[in-house]
Every structure is written in structure tokens, then in C-alpha cells.
């Protein structure tokens, strides 16, 4: 998940890193004091380490969209200072620090902050992620471990229409599926590695790695949001399109090339939560509250389809989903690279992952006649229609 931006950021952090590992809570400056009973969007961004501030910038991008589309909701950032300039840059970007201390950000401290809120509409995690141990919060030794009992207690603090997303590697095999049961909300996770996609001056997003974009003329400003890239308008975190092979194992075999939602509620409520999550997705033309069905379907395609230096495969994916929407497409379509598509439903995926503290293995995977990508797209479209009827 290393990028060109990350290499530079990591070098800078080596010379400017704050000696104290601690977490902070910040809110948009114009928001005012926190009201723990008011609806809230919580963004928990862990220490990037080799990724620098990129996880945090990704969280800020979603915050920009929540400010635009859900002005009635509070936005709360729980994170750590990545380097000596981090606090000043956040302040310049319009964030006010509510809490700052010397406590490590991990499962207990993070959960206790989250549990103060009584009407959580969305909860998202950003950063390195272990399939079993959870999101890296304040370095390798301090994780937000989704298996801990205190995490399950967050369930009663969610709003009825809430969703959660774990933006990080391999967060779907165990984390997202388990949390959808513990929290009884829609939860999305990944089935491979994740990496950062960056807004280019040509208006498209590309993988922020060498030779993955037409050239190095990256955007410095997002005109759609009217914000600078330094304020979180140009970076998003999405899945790879091929299998993960890294610290936690080699997961070659059937997988998914997109974030997958899991939900144990009735299908209509699940679909509504899934669709609502896209109003926080940083797209080439991000959604607004009054976006049309055509605009929503375009963003749904962008959420699910891969991005490449050339547009051929991207356009093929868009076309395939458009044909499915029209009722004449191939429901078995997949854009996983060099592996089959994993068979999943709204409830779970047909696979078994087992882990020790160091590595994981996946067995019993089923891929025959998998329509996971097509079904996910149709769920999103149905969710949009339900939101239009019931209200966003």
C-alpha cells in the first residue's frame, strides 16, 4: 500500500515526528461544541507510519462530503499526530482540537470515546488493518481490535440507519462480517489489500503509485468540493484488484475487487444504509443530496469498478454494470485480476479464514456462478430508490 506521496511523507515524518504518541479529537471549527446526543459521523484514523498522513487525509475527504450533504450531523475526527506539522495543518484546514492527551489510541481508549455518543450515523476506520487484529491505531502495538467485548457494546449507540466502513486491507474476511452481527448495522470491508487513489488534473482518480497515472500532473484543488487537496479533497482509499500477498499471508484465490457490505437487517434497510454511504464517497463528481438517479448510478459504478492508467477496463466495467441495470447484462461479471470472484450475499461470504497472531489462511472458498459485484450494484440502486421514497 506504499505510494509516491507516502514515501515522501514517511521521510518527512522521520525528521519531524512528535516524540509523544497520543490521540486527539477534532471537529470542524464552524461546528461548535460537541453534543453527545446529536447525530454524528465518526472518523477514526490510525497512525499511518509508512503511509504518513494519507489515512487521515482520506478521512478528511469523507468529512468534506458529510459537511456538504449532512449539515445537520456533527463530524468528529479521532486520530493521532503523525508528525510535528500535523496539528498546525489541521488547524489551517478548519479543524478545532477538542481533546488532546498522552493516552495511546487503541481499543479501550478509542471505544470509550465512541461510546460517549448516543446517535452515531456512521463510523469509519482508516489505516493499516490486520484481518484478525483490527485497525492499526497508534502504531503496531496499539490496535483497534474489533474482537474485544467493549467494541460490541457500541451497538446500542448507533442510529437506526447507521453504517460502518473499515478502510484497510483484508477487513472483510472477518472484521466486517462479524461486526455486522455484533452491531446489527451495514458494515463494509475489503477482501484484498488497499491503496490510495489520487485526483489527477484530468479529473480522474488514479492509483497513487509510480506509472499508474498518465503523468505526474496531480490536482492541487478539487473544484467539485471547492477545497484544496491539502484539506482532504483529493485522496481516497480503495481496494486493490488482485489478491493480497504480504505480512498476513498470501490470499491467492477467489476474492473481491471492491468493498463489500454485510448486513443482517431486512434487505430494504440494508440497501438504504449502503446507498447512504456513497454520499460520503469522494468521486469524480461526488454526490449531493439532490443528485439524480443517473448521477447516483455513475458514482455507484465508480465505487465498485477498478481504475487504471488507461480507461479501457474502467469503461468496460461501467458498461457491464449499465447493462445489468438495464436488465440484459452478465450477472457473473467480475473485474478481479488473475483470480475468480468470491461468492457472497448480503449476510456473508462463502469462505473460512483462520488466523494466529502472525498469519492467516483462507479455505473453503466458493466462486462458482458468483454474482457478487452485480448484486452489490443492484443493492445500491435499490437503496437509492428507497432513500428517495423515505428521505436521506
Protein backbone atom coordinates (compact mmCIF):
# COMPACT_ATOMS: atom_id res chain seq x y z
CA UNK A 1 0.00 0.00 0.00
CA UNK A 2 3.06 2.24 -0.36
CA UNK A 3 2.61 5.26 -2.67
CA UNK A 4 4.78 8.05 -4.04
CA UNK A 5 3.13 10.51 -1.70
CA UNK A 6 3.62 8.10 1.20
CA UNK A 7 7.36 7.73 0.58
CA UNK A 8 7.80 11.48 0.77
CA UNK A 9 5.52 11.79 3.80
CA UNK A 10 7.33 9.00 5.60
CA UNK A 11 10.73 10.64 5.03
CA UNK A 12 9.42 13.92 6.41
CA UNK A 13 7.89 12.16 9.41
CA UNK A 14 11.25 10.62 10.31
CA UNK A 15 12.64 14.09 10.89
CA UNK A 16 9.58 15.81 12.36
CA UNK A 17 7.70 13.07 14.22
CA UNK A 18 6.36 14.13 17.59
CA UNK A 19 8.04 12.07 20.37
CA UNK A 20 4.74 11.54 22.20
CA UNK A 21 2.27 9.03 20.89
CA UNK A 22 -1.16 10.29 21.81
CA UNK A 23 -4.60 10.68 20.33
CA UNK A 24 -6.75 13.72 19.75
CA UNK A 25 -10.36 14.52 18.94
CA UNK A 26 -11.10 17.32 16.49
CA UNK A 27 -14.21 18.82 14.92
CA UNK A 28 -14.79 21.29 12.08
CA UNK A 29 -14.23 24.76 13.51
CA UNK A 30 -17.64 26.09 12.50
CA UNK A 31 -19.41 23.14 14.11
CA UNK A 32 -19.30 24.30 17.72
CA UNK A 33 -19.13 22.22 20.93
CA UNK A 34 -19.84 18.50 20.77
CA UNK A 35 -23.38 17.42 21.66
CA UNK A 36 -23.22 13.74 22.58
CA UNK A 37 -26.94 13.24 21.93
CA UNK A 38 -26.92 14.77 18.45
CA UNK A 39 -26.38 12.72 15.29
CA UNK A 40 -22.70 12.26 14.46
CA UNK A 41 -20.29 10.95 11.82
CA UNK A 42 -17.19 9.49 13.50
CA UNK A 43 -13.94 9.05 11.56
CA UNK A 44 -11.16 7.13 13.33
CA UNK A 45 -7.85 7.40 11.51
CA UNK A 46 -4.93 5.39 12.87
CA UNK A 47 -1.22 6.06 12.70
CA UNK A 48 -0.09 5.83 9.11
CA UNK A 49 3.58 5.08 9.87
CA UNK A 50 4.96 4.38 6.36
CA UNK A 51 1.75 5.86 4.87
CA UNK A 52 2.27 9.22 6.57
CA UNK A 53 -0.87 11.35 6.84
CA UNK A 54 -2.64 9.65 3.94
CA UNK A 55 -5.18 7.73 6.07
CA UNK A 56 -6.04 10.98 7.83
CA UNK A 57 -6.38 12.88 4.55
CA UNK A 58 -8.73 10.16 3.32
CA UNK A 59 -10.87 10.66 6.41
CA UNK A 60 -10.87 14.42 5.81
CA UNK A 61 -12.15 13.82 2.28
CA UNK A 62 -15.19 12.00 3.60
CA UNK A 63 -15.63 14.73 6.20
CA UNK A 64 -15.85 17.31 3.41
CA UNK A 65 -18.74 15.40 1.86
CA UNK A 66 -20.53 14.87 5.15
CA UNK A 67 -20.36 18.62 5.79
CA UNK A 68 -21.92 19.26 2.39
CA UNK A 69 -24.56 16.53 2.39
CA UNK A 70 -25.47 16.17 6.06
CA UNK A 71 -25.15 19.65 7.62
CA UNK A 72 -27.38 18.56 10.49
CA UNK A 73 -24.84 15.92 11.59
CA UNK A 74 -21.76 16.52 13.69
CA UNK A 75 -18.40 15.33 12.38
CA UNK A 76 -15.78 14.01 14.79
CA UNK A 77 -12.22 13.01 13.90
CA UNK A 78 -10.38 10.67 16.28
CA UNK A 79 -6.76 10.34 15.26
CA UNK A 80 -3.10 10.69 16.19
CA UNK A 81 -0.50 13.31 15.30
CA UNK A 82 1.62 11.82 12.56
CA UNK A 83 4.34 14.48 12.63
CA UNK A 84 5.19 17.86 14.14
CA UNK A 85 3.30 19.76 11.43
CA UNK A 86 0.11 17.70 11.63
CA UNK A 87 -1.69 19.79 14.26
CA UNK A 88 -0.92 23.10 12.55
CA UNK A 89 -2.02 21.76 9.17
CA UNK A 90 -5.31 20.51 10.59
CA UNK A 91 -5.95 23.88 12.20
CA UNK A 92 -5.27 25.64 8.90
CA UNK A 93 -7.70 23.23 7.24
CA UNK A 94 -10.51 24.29 9.56
CA UNK A 95 -10.35 21.78 12.41
CA UNK A 96 -10.51 22.57 16.12
CA UNK A 97 -8.94 20.28 18.71
CA UNK A 98 -11.41 19.30 21.43
CA UNK A 99 -9.24 16.73 23.21
CA UNK A 100 -5.52 16.09 23.12
CA UNK A 101 -3.66 13.90 25.59
CA UNK A 102 -0.83 11.42 26.08
CA UNK A 103 -3.05 8.33 26.04
CA UNK A 104 -2.41 5.73 23.36
CA UNK A 105 -5.17 5.25 20.83
CA UNK A 106 -6.24 1.61 20.99
CA UNK A 107 -9.35 -0.50 21.55
CA UNK A 108 -10.21 0.68 25.05
CA UNK A 109 -9.43 4.38 24.67
CA UNK A 110 -10.99 4.61 21.22
CA UNK A 111 -14.13 2.72 22.21
CA UNK A 112 -14.63 4.85 25.32
CA UNK A 113 -14.61 7.98 23.17
CA UNK A 114 -17.04 6.44 20.67
CA UNK A 115 -19.35 5.27 23.47
CA UNK A 116 -19.89 8.86 24.59
CA UNK A 117 -22.05 9.40 21.51
CA UNK A 118 -25.66 8.24 21.51
CA UNK A 119 -26.70 8.76 17.88
CA UNK A 120 -23.92 7.52 15.58
CA UNK A 121 -24.96 7.62 11.92
CA UNK A 122 -21.65 6.37 10.56
CA UNK A 123 -18.40 5.02 11.98
CA UNK A 124 -15.33 4.59 9.78
CA UNK A 125 -11.79 3.36 10.31
CA UNK A 126 -8.78 4.32 8.18
CA UNK A 127 -5.29 2.84 8.09
CA UNK A 128 -3.34 -0.38 8.17
CA UNK A 129 -5.59 -3.30 9.05
CA UNK A 130 -5.00 -6.87 10.16
CA UNK A 131 -7.58 -9.49 9.12
CA UNK A 132 -7.81 -10.61 12.75
CA UNK A 133 -6.24 -7.94 14.98
CA UNK A 134 -8.04 -4.93 13.52
CA UNK A 135 -7.03 -1.40 12.56
CA UNK A 136 -3.61 -0.02 13.49
CA UNK A 137 -4.47 2.82 15.86
CA UNK A 138 -1.27 4.17 17.45
CA UNK A 139 1.44 2.03 15.95
CA UNK A 140 1.83 -1.72 15.55
CA UNK A 141 1.42 -2.44 19.27
CA UNK A 142 -1.77 -0.42 19.62
CA UNK A 143 -4.68 -1.61 17.51
CA UNK A 144 -8.42 -1.15 17.49
CA UNK A 145 -9.21 -4.83 17.95
CA UNK A 146 -12.77 -5.48 16.80
CA UNK A 147 -12.88 -8.76 18.77
CA UNK A 148 -12.76 -7.05 22.18
CA UNK A 149 -16.03 -7.08 24.23
CA UNK A 150 -16.12 -3.30 24.58
CA UNK A 151 -16.45 -2.98 20.79
CA UNK A 152 -19.67 -5.00 20.80
CA UNK A 153 -21.15 -2.55 23.33
CA UNK A 154 -21.08 0.22 20.70
CA UNK A 155 -24.12 -1.44 19.09
CA UNK A 156 -26.68 0.40 21.21
CA UNK A 157 -25.16 3.77 20.29
CA UNK A 158 -25.90 3.58 16.56
CA UNK A 159 -28.78 5.34 14.83
CA UNK A 160 -31.29 3.07 13.12
CA UNK A 161 -29.89 3.96 9.66
CA UNK A 162 -26.20 3.70 10.57
CA UNK A 163 -23.39 2.10 8.59
CA UNK A 164 -19.69 1.42 9.16
CA UNK A 165 -16.74 1.06 6.79
CA UNK A 166 -13.30 -0.34 7.59
CA UNK A 167 -10.99 1.31 5.05
CA UNK A 168 -8.00 -1.02 5.24
CA UNK A 169 -6.51 -4.26 3.98
CA UNK A 170 -8.46 -7.51 4.31
CA UNK A 171 -11.15 -6.03 6.55
CA UNK A 172 -13.96 -8.07 5.01
CA UNK A 173 -12.86 -11.66 5.66
CA UNK A 174 -13.57 -11.49 9.39
CA UNK A 175 -13.96 -7.91 10.70
CA UNK A 176 -16.87 -6.59 8.65
CA UNK A 177 -18.86 -9.81 8.66
CA UNK A 178 -18.52 -10.19 12.43
CA UNK A 179 -19.36 -6.54 13.16
CA UNK A 180 -22.49 -6.66 11.02
CA UNK A 181 -23.77 -9.22 13.50
CA UNK A 182 -22.45 -7.56 16.66
CA UNK A 183 -23.63 -4.08 15.72
CA UNK A 184 -26.68 -5.03 13.65
CA UNK A 185 -25.90 -2.40 11.02
CA UNK A 186 -24.45 -2.45 7.49
CA UNK A 187 -20.65 -2.83 7.61
CA UNK A 188 -18.27 -2.77 4.62
CA UNK A 189 -14.82 -4.30 4.34
CA UNK A 190 -12.20 -5.39 1.81
CA UNK A 191 -11.05 -8.80 0.59
CA UNK A 192 -7.56 -7.85 -0.54
CA UNK A 193 -5.05 -5.07 0.05
CA UNK A 194 -5.98 -1.41 -0.12
CA UNK A 195 -4.18 1.57 -1.60
CA UNK A 196 -4.70 5.24 -2.23
CA UNK A 197 -6.22 6.79 -5.31
CA UNK A 198 -5.44 10.41 -6.02
CA UNK A 199 -7.27 13.06 -8.03
CA UNK A 200 -5.44 13.96 -11.23
CA UNK A 201 -5.59 17.25 -13.11
CA UNK A 202 -7.54 15.45 -15.86
CA UNK A 203 -10.43 14.96 -13.42
CA UNK A 204 -9.99 11.21 -12.91
CA UNK A 205 -8.66 9.31 -9.91
CA UNK A 206 -5.64 7.05 -10.39
CA UNK A 207 -3.70 4.73 -8.11
CA UNK A 208 -1.07 6.87 -6.41
CA UNK A 209 1.88 4.70 -7.38
CA UNK A 210 4.62 5.03 -9.98
CA UNK A 211 3.44 4.60 -13.58
CA UNK A 212 -0.21 4.19 -12.55
CA UNK A 213 -1.30 7.58 -13.95
CA UNK A 214 -0.90 9.21 -17.38
CA UNK A 215 1.62 11.65 -15.88
CA UNK A 216 2.52 13.30 -12.59
CA UNK A 217 0.29 16.33 -13.07
CA UNK A 218 -1.75 15.67 -9.94
CA UNK A 219 -4.54 18.00 -8.88
CA UNK A 220 -3.91 20.52 -6.11
CA UNK A 221 -7.55 21.59 -5.82
CA UNK A 222 -10.89 19.81 -6.05
CA UNK A 223 -13.32 22.12 -7.90
CA UNK A 224 -16.27 19.84 -7.19
CA UNK A 225 -15.85 20.37 -3.44
CA UNK A 226 -14.13 23.75 -3.73
CA UNK A 227 -11.34 22.61 -1.40
CA UNK A 228 -7.58 22.24 -1.60
CA UNK A 229 -6.09 18.78 -1.75
CA UNK A 230 -4.27 19.55 1.49
CA UNK A 231 -7.69 19.83 3.15
CA UNK A 232 -8.79 16.36 2.10
CA UNK A 233 -10.34 16.88 -1.30
CA UNK A 234 -8.21 14.62 -3.45
CA UNK A 235 -7.36 11.31 -1.79
CA UNK A 236 -9.41 8.17 -1.24
CA UNK A 237 -8.62 4.65 -0.04
CA UNK A 238 -9.89 1.71 -2.12
CA UNK A 239 -9.18 -1.95 -2.65
CA UNK A 240 -6.65 -3.50 -4.98
CA UNK A 241 -7.98 -5.59 -7.85
CA UNK A 242 -5.75 -8.63 -7.31
CA UNK A 243 -5.01 -10.86 -4.34
CA UNK A 244 -3.17 -9.79 -1.19
CA UNK A 245 0.30 -11.19 -0.54
CA UNK A 246 2.03 -9.61 2.42
CA UNK A 247 2.58 -9.62 6.15
CA UNK A 248 -0.58 -11.53 6.99
CA UNK A 249 -0.27 -14.21 4.32
CA UNK A 250 -0.85 -14.96 0.66
CA UNK A 251 -4.57 -14.98 -0.06
CA UNK A 252 -4.46 -16.02 -3.69
CA UNK A 253 -7.78 -17.46 -4.77
CA UNK A 254 -11.35 -16.19 -5.11
CA UNK A 255 -11.71 -12.66 -3.71
CA UNK A 256 -13.44 -9.34 -4.38
CA UNK A 257 -12.03 -6.23 -6.06
CA UNK A 258 -14.35 -3.83 -4.23
CA UNK A 259 -15.54 -3.05 -0.70
CA UNK A 260 -18.37 -5.40 0.26
CA UNK A 261 -21.24 -4.53 2.60
CA UNK A 262 -22.66 -7.04 5.07
CA UNK A 263 -25.95 -6.52 6.85
CA UNK A 264 -28.30 -8.70 8.90
CA UNK A 265 -31.32 -6.35 8.82
CA UNK A 266 -34.20 -6.57 6.36
CA UNK A 267 -32.95 -6.10 2.82
CA UNK A 268 -34.53 -2.69 2.24
CA UNK A 269 -32.95 -1.13 5.33
CA UNK A 270 -29.60 -2.67 4.42
CA UNK A 271 -29.80 -1.25 0.92
CA UNK A 272 -30.67 2.21 2.23
CA UNK A 273 -27.62 2.24 4.51
CA UNK A 274 -25.39 1.07 1.67
CA UNK A 275 -26.68 3.79 -0.64
CA UNK A 276 -26.35 6.46 2.05
CA UNK A 277 -22.66 5.62 2.43
CA UNK A 278 -21.99 6.80 -1.12
CA UNK A 279 -22.93 10.36 -0.13
CA UNK A 280 -19.59 10.35 1.68
CA UNK A 281 -17.61 8.75 -1.16
CA UNK A 282 -15.08 11.03 -2.85
CA UNK A 283 -15.82 10.62 -6.56
CA UNK A 284 -15.02 12.50 -9.75
CA UNK A 285 -18.42 14.12 -9.35
CA UNK A 286 -19.36 13.40 -5.76
CA UNK A 287 -23.00 13.05 -4.82
CA UNK A 288 -25.14 15.85 -3.45
CA UNK A 289 -28.43 15.47 -1.64
CA UNK A 290 -30.36 16.35 -4.80
CA UNK A 291 -28.35 14.10 -7.15
CA UNK A 292 -30.38 12.30 -9.80
CA UNK A 293 -30.69 8.55 -10.30
CA UNK A 294 -28.27 8.77 -13.22
CA UNK A 295 -25.73 10.65 -11.10
CA UNK A 296 -26.09 8.11 -8.31
CA UNK A 297 -25.58 5.15 -10.64
CA UNK A 298 -22.42 6.78 -12.00
CA UNK A 299 -20.97 7.14 -8.50
CA UNK A 300 -22.03 3.59 -7.62
CA UNK A 301 -20.06 2.36 -10.64
CA UNK A 302 -17.05 4.39 -9.55
CA UNK A 303 -17.31 2.89 -6.04
CA UNK A 304 -17.28 -0.65 -7.43
CA UNK A 305 -15.14 -0.51 -10.59
CA UNK A 306 -11.34 -0.57 -10.82
CA UNK A 307 -9.23 2.36 -12.03
CA UNK A 308 -6.37 2.08 -14.48
CA UNK A 309 -3.94 4.35 -16.30
CA UNK A 310 -5.96 3.82 -19.46
CA UNK A 311 -9.75 3.88 -19.35
CA UNK A 312 -10.46 0.71 -21.35
CA UNK A 313 -11.13 -1.64 -18.42
CA UNK A 314 -12.79 1.12 -16.41
CA UNK A 315 -15.21 1.80 -19.25
CA UNK A 316 -15.85 -1.92 -19.70
CA UNK A 317 -16.84 -2.18 -16.05
CA UNK A 318 -19.13 0.84 -16.28
CA UNK A 319 -20.75 -0.59 -19.41
CA UNK A 320 -21.21 -4.02 -17.83
CA UNK A 321 -22.96 -2.53 -14.80
CA UNK A 322 -25.11 -0.30 -17.02
CA UNK A 323 -26.28 -3.38 -18.92
CA UNK A 324 -27.08 -5.14 -15.65
CA UNK A 325 -29.09 -2.10 -14.58
CA UNK A 326 -30.99 -2.33 -17.87
CA UNK A 327 -31.77 -5.99 -17.21
CA UNK A 328 -29.72 -7.51 -20.01
CA UNK A 329 -26.22 -7.79 -18.56
CA UNK A 330 -23.99 -10.65 -17.44
CA UNK A 331 -24.70 -11.18 -13.73
CA UNK A 332 -21.44 -13.14 -13.36
CA UNK A 333 -19.28 -10.16 -14.36
CA UNK A 334 -16.03 -9.76 -12.41
CA UNK A 335 -13.00 -7.47 -12.56
CA UNK A 336 -10.83 -9.41 -10.14
CA UNK A 337 -7.36 -9.81 -11.68
CA UNK A 338 -6.00 -13.36 -12.12
CA UNK A 339 -8.44 -14.95 -9.66
CA UNK A 340 -12.12 -15.85 -9.56
CA UNK A 341 -14.79 -13.77 -7.84
CA UNK A 342 -15.77 -14.89 -4.34
CA UNK A 343 -19.41 -15.85 -3.80
CA UNK A 344 -21.07 -13.59 -1.23
CA UNK A 345 -24.53 -12.50 -0.17
CA UNK A 346 -25.69 -9.58 1.94
CA UNK A 347 -25.20 -11.78 5.02
CA UNK A 348 -21.81 -13.40 4.47
CA UNK A 349 -19.23 -14.81 2.05
CA UNK A 350 -18.54 -18.46 1.33
CA UNK A 351 -15.05 -18.73 2.80
CA UNK A 352 -13.31 -19.57 6.07
CA UNK A 353 -10.36 -17.56 7.36
CA UNK A 354 -8.29 -18.82 10.30
CA UNK A 355 -5.52 -16.79 11.93
CA UNK A 356 -2.88 -16.88 14.62
CA UNK A 357 -1.17 -13.69 15.83
CA UNK A 358 1.11 -13.61 12.80
CA UNK A 359 -0.55 -15.02 9.69
CA UNK A 360 -3.91 -16.09 8.28
CA UNK A 361 -5.15 -18.67 5.80
CA UNK A 362 -8.33 -18.84 3.75
CA UNK A 363 -10.07 -22.10 2.93
CA UNK A 364 -13.39 -23.43 1.62
CA UNK A 365 -13.83 -20.57 -0.82
CA UNK A 366 -16.68 -20.81 -3.30
CA UNK A 367 -16.70 -18.89 -6.58
CA UNK A 368 -18.93 -20.87 -8.94
CA UNK A 369 -21.65 -18.71 -10.50
CA UNK A 370 -20.65 -15.76 -8.32
CA UNK A 371 -22.69 -12.62 -9.00
CA UNK A 372 -21.31 -10.62 -6.06
CA UNK A 373 -20.34 -7.49 -8.00
CA UNK A 374 -23.61 -7.36 -9.93
CA UNK A 375 -25.69 -7.91 -6.81
CA UNK A 376 -23.81 -5.23 -4.87
CA UNK A 377 -24.54 -2.73 -7.64
CA UNK A 378 -28.23 -3.60 -7.71
CA UNK A 379 -28.44 -3.32 -3.92
CA UNK A 380 -27.03 0.21 -4.16
CA UNK A 381 -29.53 1.21 -6.84
CA UNK A 382 -32.42 -0.21 -4.83
CA UNK A 383 -31.12 1.65 -1.81
CA UNK A 384 -31.13 4.92 -3.71
CA UNK A 385 -34.75 4.39 -4.73
CA UNK A 386 -35.68 3.61 -1.13
CA UNK A 387 -33.91 6.76 0.09
CA UNK A 388 -35.80 8.80 -2.48
CA UNK A 389 -39.05 7.44 -1.06
CA UNK A 390 -38.16 7.62 2.64
CA UNK A 391 -35.70 10.51 2.75
CA UNK A 392 -31.94 10.69 3.16
